[in-house]
PDB file of N, CA and C in Angstrom:
ATOM      1  N   GLU A   1       0.720  -1.435   0.368  1.00  0.00           N
ATOM      2  CA  GLU A   1      -0.112   0.058   0.036  1.00  0.00           C
ATOM      3  C   GLU A   1       1.213   1.500  -0.011  1.00  0.00           C
ATOM      4  N   ARG A   2       1.914   1.234   0.937  1.00  0.00           N
ATOM      5  CA  ARG A   2       2.854   2.611   0.823  1.00  0.00           C
ATOM      6  C   ARG A   2       3.636   2.746   0.153  1.00  0.00           C
ATOM      7  N   SER A   3       4.108   1.570  -0.801  1.00  0.00           N
ATOM      8  CA  SER A   3       4.940   1.799  -1.706  1.00  0.00           C
ATOM      9  C   SER A   3       4.870   1.576  -3.241  1.00  0.00           C
ATOM     10  N   GLY A   4       3.462   0.805  -3.071  1.00  0.00           N
ATOM     11  CA  GLY A   4       2.690   0.840  -4.806  1.00  0.00           C
ATOM     12  C   GLY A   4       3.330  -0.389  -5.639  1.00  0.00           C
ATOM     13  N   GLU A   5       4.185  -1.058  -4.667  1.00  0.00           N
ATOM     14  CA  GLU A   5       4.781  -2.503  -5.300  1.00  0.00           C
ATOM     15  C   GLU A   5       4.095  -3.445  -5.631  1.00  0.00           C
ATOM     16  N   SER A   6       4.408  -4.087  -6.248  1.00  0.00           N
ATOM     17  CA  SER A   6       3.453  -5.322  -6.420  1.00  0.00           C
ATOM     18  C   SER A   6       4.358  -6.733  -5.629  1.00  0.00           C
ATOM     19  N   VAL A   7       3.638  -7.058  -4.837  1.00  0.00           N
ATOM     20  CA  VAL A   7       4.437  -8.145  -3.877  1.00  0.00           C
ATOM     21  C   VAL A   7       4.097  -9.708  -4.344  1.00  0.00           C
ATOM     22  N   ALA A   8       3.510  -9.971  -5.437  1.00  0.00           N
ATOM     23  CA  ALA A   8       3.616 -11.291  -5.935  1.00  0.00           C
ATOM     24  C   ALA A   8       3.276 -10.972  -7.805  1.00  0.00           C
ATOM     25  N   ASP A   9       3.872 -12.024  -8.481  1.00  0.00           N
ATOM     26  CA  ASP A   9       3.600 -11.822  -9.911  1.00  0.00           C
ATOM     27  C   ASP A   9       1.828 -11.859 -10.213  1.00  0.00           C
ATOM     28  N   PRO A  10       1.744 -10.855 -11.154  1.00  0.00           N
ATOM     29  CA  PRO A  10       0.426 -10.869 -11.703  1.00  0.00           C
ATOM     30  C   PRO A  10      -0.322 -12.239 -12.237  1.00  0.00           C
ATOM     31  N   GLU A  11      -1.353 -12.401 -11.693  1.00  0.00           N
ATOM     32  CA  GLU A  11      -1.803 -13.805 -12.305  1.00  0.00           C
ATOM     33  C   GLU A  11      -2.770 -13.095 -13.780  1.00  0.00           C
ATOM     34  N   VAL A  12      -2.734 -14.088 -14.537  1.00  0.00           N
ATOM     35  CA  VAL A  12      -3.312 -13.469 -16.120  1.00  0.00           C
ATOM     36  C   VAL A  12      -4.581 -14.459 -16.335  1.00  0.00           C
ATOM     37  N   LEU A  13      -5.601 -14.313 -16.691  1.00  0.00           N
ATOM     38  CA  LEU A  13      -6.250 -15.156 -17.076  1.00  0.00           C
ATOM     39  C   LEU A  13      -6.922 -14.996 -18.411  1.00  0.00           C
ATOM     40  N   LEU A  14      -6.873 -16.295 -19.339  1.00  0.00           N
ATOM     41  CA  LEU A  14      -7.189 -15.822 -20.972  1.00  0.00           C
ATOM     42  C   LEU A  14      -8.437 -16.708 -21.070  1.00  0.00           C
ATOM     43  N   ARG A  15      -9.517 -16.372 -22.022  1.00  0.00           N
ATOM     44  CA  ARG A  15     -10.499 -16.835 -22.480  1.00  0.00           C
ATOM     45  C   ARG A  15     -10.756 -16.648 -23.861  1.00  0.00           C
ATOM     46  N   GLY A  16     -10.889 -17.776 -24.994  1.00  0.00           N
ATOM     47  CA  GLY A  16     -10.908 -17.236 -26.086  1.00  0.00           C
ATOM     48  C   GLY A  16      -9.872 -16.977 -26.952  1.00  0.00           C
ATOM     49  N   VAL A  17      -8.561 -17.578 -26.245  1.00  0.00           N
ATOM     50  CA  VAL A  17      -7.387 -16.777 -27.073  1.00  0.00           C
ATOM     51  C   VAL A  17      -6.966 -18.641 -27.993  1.00  0.00           C
ATOM     52  N   PRO A  18      -6.329 -18.440 -28.817  1.00  0.00           N
ATOM     53  CA  PRO A  18      -5.820 -19.608 -29.568  1.00  0.00           C
ATOM     54  C   PRO A  18      -4.788 -19.821 -28.956  1.00  0.00           C
ATOM     55  N   ALA A  19      -4.643 -21.101 -28.525  1.00  0.00           N
ATOM     56  CA  ALA A  19      -3.968 -21.899 -27.772  1.00  0.00           C
ATOM     57  C   ALA A  19      -2.150 -21.327 -28.115  1.00  0.00           C
ATOM     58  N   GLU A  20      -1.921 -21.372 -29.311  1.00  0.00           N
ATOM     59  CA  GLU A  20      -0.776 -21.035 -29.869  1.00  0.00           C
ATOM     60  C   GLU A  20      -0.465 -19.801 -29.251  1.00  0.00           C
ATOM     61  N   GLU A  21      -1.442 -18.585 -29.253  1.00  0.00           N
ATOM     62  CA  GLU A  21      -0.640 -17.411 -28.796  1.00  0.00           C
ATOM     63  C   GLU A  21      -1.382 -17.276 -27.149  1.00  0.00           C
ATOM     64  N   GLU A  22      -1.710 -18.114 -26.385  1.00  0.00           N
ATOM     65  CA  GLU A  22      -1.888 -17.682 -25.160  1.00  0.00           C
ATOM     66  C   GLU A  22      -0.399 -17.425 -24.090  1.00  0.00           C
ATOM     67  N   HIS A  23       0.520 -18.232 -24.507  1.00  0.00           N
ATOM     68  CA  HIS A  23       1.572 -18.336 -23.547  1.00  0.00           C
ATOM     69  C   HIS A  23       2.180 -17.047 -23.820  1.00  0.00           C
ATOM     70  N   ASP A  24       2.571 -16.551 -25.021  1.00  0.00           N
ATOM     71  CA  ASP A  24       3.157 -15.186 -25.397  1.00  0.00           C
ATOM     72  C   ASP A  24       2.412 -14.085 -25.200  1.00  0.00           C
ATOM     73  N   LEU A  25       1.333 -14.305 -24.936  1.00  0.00           N
ATOM     74  CA  LEU A  25       0.303 -13.180 -24.431  1.00  0.00           C
ATOM     75  C   LEU A  25       0.089 -12.900 -23.326  1.00  0.00           C
ATOM     76  N   ILE A  26       0.483 -14.193 -22.635  1.00  0.00           N
ATOM     77  CA  ILE A  26       0.376 -14.329 -21.179  1.00  0.00           C
ATOM     78  C   ILE A  26       1.837 -13.395 -20.509  1.00  0.00           C
ATOM     79  N   GLU A  27       2.786 -13.728 -20.992  1.00  0.00           N
ATOM     80  CA  GLU A  27       3.868 -13.289 -20.839  1.00  0.00           C
ATOM     81  C   GLU A  27       3.930 -11.653 -21.437  1.00  0.00           C
ATOM     82  N   THR A  28       3.506 -11.461 -22.163  1.00  0.00           N
ATOM     83  CA  THR A  28       3.261  -9.983 -22.675  1.00  0.00           C
ATOM     84  C   THR A  28       2.345  -9.095 -21.974  1.00  0.00           C
ATOM     85  N   LEU A  29       1.290  -9.850 -21.169  1.00  0.00           N
ATOM     86  CA  LEU A  29       0.527  -8.917 -20.312  1.00  0.00           C
ATOM     87  C   LEU A  29       1.125  -8.642 -18.508  1.00  0.00           C
ATOM     88  N   ARG A  30       1.653  -9.715 -18.508  1.00  0.00           N
ATOM     89  CA  ARG A  30       2.690  -9.646 -17.232  1.00  0.00           C
ATOM     90  C   ARG A  30       3.782  -8.661 -17.268  1.00  0.00           C
ATOM     91  N   ASP A  31       4.325  -8.687 -18.217  1.00  0.00           N
ATOM     92  CA  ASP A  31       5.110  -7.442 -18.268  1.00  0.00           C
ATOM     93  C   ASP A  31       4.390  -6.120 -18.753  1.00  0.00           C
ATOM     94  N   ALA A  32       3.857  -5.892 -19.090  1.00  0.00           N
ATOM     95  CA  ALA A  32       2.391  -4.626 -19.666  1.00  0.00           C
ATOM     96  C   ALA A  32       1.975  -4.371 -18.045  1.00  0.00           C
ATOM     97  N   VAL A  33       1.874  -5.301 -17.114  1.00  0.00           N
ATOM     98  CA  VAL A  33       1.221  -5.077 -15.694  1.00  0.00           C
ATOM     99  C   VAL A  33       2.513  -4.243 -14.781  1.00  0.00           C
ATOM    100  N   ASP A  34       3.706  -5.261 -15.024  1.00  0.00           N
ATOM    101  CA  ASP A  34       4.766  -4.826 -13.997  1.00  0.00           C
ATOM    102  C   ASP A  34       4.967  -3.026 -14.509  1.00  0.00           C
ATOM    103  N   GLU A  35       5.254  -3.013 -15.949  1.00  0.00           N
ATOM    104  CA  GLU A  35       5.275  -1.403 -16.330  1.00  0.00           C
ATOM    105  C   GLU A  35       4.072  -0.455 -15.968  1.00  0.00           C
ATOM    106  N   ALA A  36       3.019  -1.109 -16.175  1.00  0.00           N
ATOM    107  CA  ALA A  36       2.097   0.323 -15.778  1.00  0.00           C
ATOM    108  C   ALA A  36       1.660   0.418 -14.397  1.00  0.00           C
ATOM    109  N   LEU A  37       2.271  -0.677 -13.183  1.00  0.00           N
ATOM    110  CA  LEU A  37       2.365  -0.485 -11.833  1.00  0.00           C
ATOM    111  C   LEU A  37       3.608   0.801 -11.681  1.00  0.00           C
ATOM    112  N   GLU A  38       4.389   0.423 -12.348  1.00  0.00           N
ATOM    113  CA  GLU A  38       5.820   1.213 -12.222  1.00  0.00           C
ATOM    114  C   GLU A  38       5.392   2.491 -12.564  1.00  0.00           C
ATOM    115  N   ARG A  39       4.852   2.716 -13.632  1.00  0.00           N
ATOM    116  CA  ARG A  39       3.999   4.314 -14.014  1.00  0.00           C
ATOM    117  C   ARG A  39       3.043   4.718 -13.240  1.00  0.00           C
ATOM    118  N   ALA A  40       2.835   3.864 -12.472  1.00  0.00           N
ATOM    119  CA  ALA A  40       1.236   4.659 -11.900  1.00  0.00           C
ATOM    120  C   ALA A  40       2.309   4.621 -10.319  1.00  0.00           C
ATOM    121  N   SER A  41       2.914   4.220 -10.252  1.00  0.00           N
ATOM    122  CA  SER A  41       3.860   4.466  -8.593  1.00  0.00           C
ATOM    123  C   SER A  41       4.620   6.013  -9.179  1.00  0.00           C
ATOM    124  N   GLU A  42       5.415   6.024  -9.980  1.00  0.00           N
ATOM    125  CA  GLU A  42       6.082   7.323 -10.012  1.00  0.00           C
ATOM    126  C   GLU A  42       4.698   8.427 -10.594  1.00  0.00           C
ATOM    127  N   GLN A  43       3.667   8.445 -10.649  1.00  0.00           N
ATOM    128  CA  GLN A  43       2.691   9.053 -10.988  1.00  0.00           C
ATOM    129  C   GLN A  43       1.808   8.918  -9.307  1.00  0.00           C
ATOM    130  N   GLY A  44       2.044   8.437  -8.429  1.00  0.00           N
ATOM    131  CA  GLY A  44       1.647   8.359  -7.133  1.00  0.00           C
ATOM    132  C   GLY A  44       0.276   7.732  -7.199  1.00  0.00           C
ATOM    133  N   ILE A  45      -0.204   7.171  -8.075  1.00  0.00           N
ATOM    134  CA  ILE A  45      -1.353   6.254  -7.911  1.00  0.00           C
ATOM    135  C   ILE A  45      -1.000   5.271  -7.179  1.00  0.00           C
ATOM    136  N   LYS A  46      -1.717   5.205  -6.141  1.00  0.00           N
ATOM    137  CA  LYS A  46      -1.992   3.994  -5.044  1.00  0.00           C
ATOM    138  C   LYS A  46      -3.073   3.657  -4.966  1.00  0.00           C
ATOM    139  N   ASP A  47      -4.295   4.261  -4.912  1.00  0.00           N
ATOM    140  CA  ASP A  47      -5.659   3.932  -4.618  1.00  0.00           C
ATOM    141  C   ASP A  47      -5.742   2.742  -5.798  1.00  0.00           C
ATOM    142  N   PRO A  48      -6.462   1.536  -4.770  1.00  0.00           N
ATOM    143  CA  PRO A  48      -6.724   0.329  -5.851  1.00  0.00           C
ATOM    144  C   PRO A  48      -7.568   0.856  -7.099  1.00  0.00           C
ATOM    145  N   ASP A  49      -8.952   1.504  -6.949  1.00  0.00           N
ATOM    146  CA  ASP A  49      -9.647   1.740  -7.854  1.00  0.00           C
ATOM    147  C   ASP A  49      -8.980   2.240  -9.062  1.00  0.00           C
ATOM    148  N   ARG A  50      -8.165   3.418  -8.710  1.00  0.00           N
ATOM    149  CA  ARG A  50      -7.483   4.421  -9.980  1.00  0.00           C
ATOM    150  C   ARG A  50      -6.452   3.423 -10.758  1.00  0.00           C
ATOM    151  N   LEU A  51      -5.943   2.390  -9.703  1.00  0.00           N
ATOM    152  CA  LEU A  51      -5.110   1.418 -10.373  1.00  0.00           C
ATOM    153  C   LEU A  51      -5.662   0.478 -11.628  1.00  0.00           C
ATOM    154  N   GLU A  52      -6.756  -0.125 -10.845  1.00  0.00           N
ATOM    155  CA  GLU A  52      -7.519  -0.850 -11.865  1.00  0.00           C
ATOM    156  C   GLU A  52      -7.844   0.027 -13.291  1.00  0.00           C
ATOM    157  N   GLU A  53      -8.225   1.148 -13.027  1.00  0.00           N
ATOM    158  CA  GLU A  53      -8.740   2.082 -14.163  1.00  0.00           C
ATOM    159  C   GLU A  53      -7.615   1.644 -14.971  1.00  0.00           C
ATOM    160  N   PHE A  54      -6.199   2.246 -14.516  1.00  0.00           N
ATOM    161  CA  PHE A  54      -5.158   2.720 -15.222  1.00  0.00           C
ATOM    162  C   PHE A  54      -4.440   1.427 -15.826  1.00  0.00           C
ATOM    163  N   LEU A  55      -4.718  -0.235 -15.151  1.00  0.00           N
ATOM    164  CA  LEU A  55      -4.341  -1.083 -15.823  1.00  0.00           C
ATOM    165  C   LEU A  55      -4.985  -1.765 -16.980  1.00  0.00           C
ATOM    166  N   HIS A  56      -6.056  -1.149 -16.813  1.00  0.00           N
ATOM    167  CA  HIS A  56      -7.280  -1.776 -17.676  1.00  0.00           C
ATOM    168  C   HIS A  56      -6.728  -1.318 -19.050  1.00  0.00           C
ATOM    169  N   ASP A  57      -6.805   0.145 -19.135  1.00  0.00           N
ATOM    170  CA  ASP A  57      -6.602   0.901 -20.236  1.00  0.00           C
ATOM    171  C   ASP A  57      -5.320   0.551 -20.568  1.00  0.00           C
ATOM    172  N   ASP A  58      -4.408   0.275 -20.114  1.00  0.00           N
ATOM    173  CA  ASP A  58      -2.927  -0.345 -20.970  1.00  0.00           C
ATOM    174  C   ASP A  58      -3.174  -1.886 -21.338  1.00  0.00           C
ATOM    175  N   LEU A  59      -3.454  -2.516 -20.230  1.00  0.00           N
ATOM    176  CA  LEU A  59      -3.631  -3.856 -20.854  1.00  0.00           C
ATOM    177  C   LEU A  59      -4.679  -4.060 -22.065  1.00  0.00           C
ATOM    178  N   ALA A  60      -6.087  -3.262 -22.308  1.00  0.00           N
ATOM    179  CA  ALA A  60      -6.751  -3.543 -23.312  1.00  0.00           C
ATOM    180  C   ALA A  60      -6.328  -2.799 -24.507  1.00  0.00           C
ATOM    181  N   ASN A  61      -4.885  -1.938 -24.564  1.00  0.00           N
ATOM    182  CA  ASN A  61      -4.257  -1.535 -25.638  1.00  0.00           C
ATOM    183  C   ASN A  61      -3.123  -2.391 -26.021  1.00  0.00           C
ATOM    184  N   VAL A  62      -2.565  -3.179 -24.986  1.00  0.00           N
ATOM    185  CA  VAL A  62      -1.549  -4.516 -25.238  1.00  0.00           C
ATOM    186  C   VAL A  62      -2.427  -5.459 -25.958  1.00  0.00           C
ATOM    187  N   VAL A  63      -3.551  -6.167 -25.410  1.00  0.00           N
ATOM    188  CA  VAL A  63      -4.394  -6.638 -26.057  1.00  0.00           C
ATOM    189  C   VAL A  63      -4.990  -6.518 -28.128  1.00  0.00           C
ATOM    190  N   TYR A  64      -5.463  -5.182 -27.764  1.00  0.00           N
ATOM    191  CA  TYR A  64      -5.758  -4.751 -29.108  1.00  0.00           C
ATOM    192  C   TYR A  64      -4.790  -4.731 -29.972  1.00  0.00           C
ATOM    193  N   SER A  65      -3.391  -4.617 -29.688  1.00  0.00           N
ATOM    194  CA  SER A  65      -1.908  -4.344 -30.686  1.00  0.00           C
ATOM    195  C   SER A  65      -1.727  -5.883 -30.938  1.00  0.00           C
ATOM    196  N   LYS A  66      -1.974  -6.836 -30.181  1.00  0.00           N
ATOM    197  CA  LYS A  66      -1.397  -8.272 -30.591  1.00  0.00           C
ATOM    198  C   LYS A  66      -2.579  -9.003 -31.399  1.00  0.00           C
ATOM    199  N   LEU A  67      -3.951  -8.566 -30.732  1.00  0.00           N
ATOM    200  CA  LEU A  67      -4.906  -9.558 -31.476  1.00  0.00           C
ATOM    201  C   LEU A  67      -5.933  -8.898 -32.184  1.00  0.00           C
ATOM    202  N   LYS A  68      -6.044  -7.684 -32.395  1.00  0.00           N
ATOM    203  CA  LYS A  68      -6.664  -6.831 -33.022  1.00  0.00           C
ATOM    204  C   LYS A  68      -8.192  -7.266 -32.892  1.00  0.00           C
ATOM    205  N   ARG A  69      -8.472  -7.012 -31.499  1.00  0.00           N
ATOM    206  CA  ARG A  69      -9.741  -7.372 -30.855  1.00  0.00           C
ATOM    207  C   ARG A  69      -9.538  -6.908 -29.639  1.00  0.00           C
ATOM    208  N   ARG A  70     -11.173  -6.475 -29.233  1.00  0.00           N
ATOM    209  CA  ARG A  70     -11.181  -5.644 -27.885  1.00  0.00           C
ATOM    210  C   ARG A  70     -12.109  -6.693 -26.963  1.00  0.00           C
ATOM    211  N   PRO A  71     -11.359  -7.676 -26.398  1.00  0.00           N
ATOM    212  CA  PRO A  71     -12.072  -8.292 -25.000  1.00  0.00           C
ATOM    213  C   PRO A  71     -12.185  -7.702 -23.829  1.00  0.00           C
ATOM    214  N   MET A  72     -13.424  -8.249 -23.297  1.00  0.00           N
ATOM    215  CA  MET A  72     -13.427  -7.647 -21.669  1.00  0.00           C
ATOM    216  C   MET A  72     -12.098  -7.660 -21.067  1.00  0.00           C
ATOM    217  N   VAL A  73     -11.497  -6.730 -20.009  1.00  0.00           N
ATOM    218  CA  VAL A  73     -10.395  -6.797 -19.301  1.00  0.00           C
ATOM    219  C   VAL A  73     -10.868  -6.128 -18.003  1.00  0.00           C
ATOM    220  N   LEU A  74     -10.672  -7.271 -17.178  1.00  0.00           N
ATOM    221  CA  LEU A  74     -11.452  -7.245 -15.983  1.00  0.00           C
ATOM    222  C   LEU A  74      -9.767  -7.001 -15.026  1.00  0.00           C
ATOM    223  N   PRO A  75      -8.980  -5.844 -14.668  1.00  0.00           N
ATOM    224  CA  PRO A  75      -7.896  -6.111 -13.514  1.00  0.00           C
ATOM    225  C   PRO A  75      -8.597  -6.056 -12.341  1.00  0.00           C
ATOM    226  N   VAL A  76      -7.812  -6.799 -11.424  1.00  0.00           N
ATOM    227  CA  VAL A  76      -8.520  -6.824  -9.914  1.00  0.00           C
ATOM    228  C   VAL A  76      -7.308  -6.490  -9.041  1.00  0.00           C
ATOM    229  N   VAL A  77      -7.224  -5.550  -8.325  1.00  0.00           N
ATOM    230  CA  VAL A  77      -6.026  -4.863  -7.622  1.00  0.00           C
ATOM    231  C   VAL A  77      -6.748  -5.232  -6.223  1.00  0.00           C
ATOM    232  N   VAL A  78      -5.535  -6.494  -5.486  1.00  0.00           N
ATOM    233  CA  VAL A  78      -5.768  -6.732  -4.250  1.00  0.00           C
ATOM    234  C   VAL A  78      -5.064  -6.003  -3.223  1.00  0.00           C
ATOM    235  N   GLU A  79      -5.271  -5.001  -2.414  1.00  0.00           N
ATOM    236  CA  GLU A  79      -4.681  -4.289  -1.112  1.00  0.00           C
ATOM    237  C   GLU A  79      -4.095  -5.371  -0.169  1.00  0.00           C
ATOM    238  N   VAL A  80      -2.788  -5.383   0.146  1.00  0.00           N
ATOM    239  CA  VAL A  80      -2.148  -6.304   1.445  1.00  0.00           C
ATOM    240  C   VAL A  80      -1.621  -4.992   2.302  1.00  0.00           C
TER     241      VAL A  80
END
């Protein structure tokens, strides 16, 4: 909560993604989560709701750039 840092690797669940693309996309999304959290921390964003919005926008853009689809993206931030 204080530092805004992640204490665990992000969990990524996908549905409806071709199996041959799933592993690469999961790794790409995990990297995107780490980058987004780092930028959010630099901007002083620590509120879980704001972090979820921040993550949603970044992850939706990553998925679209890879798949050219706009799936539902539901980031969940758990405060510890």
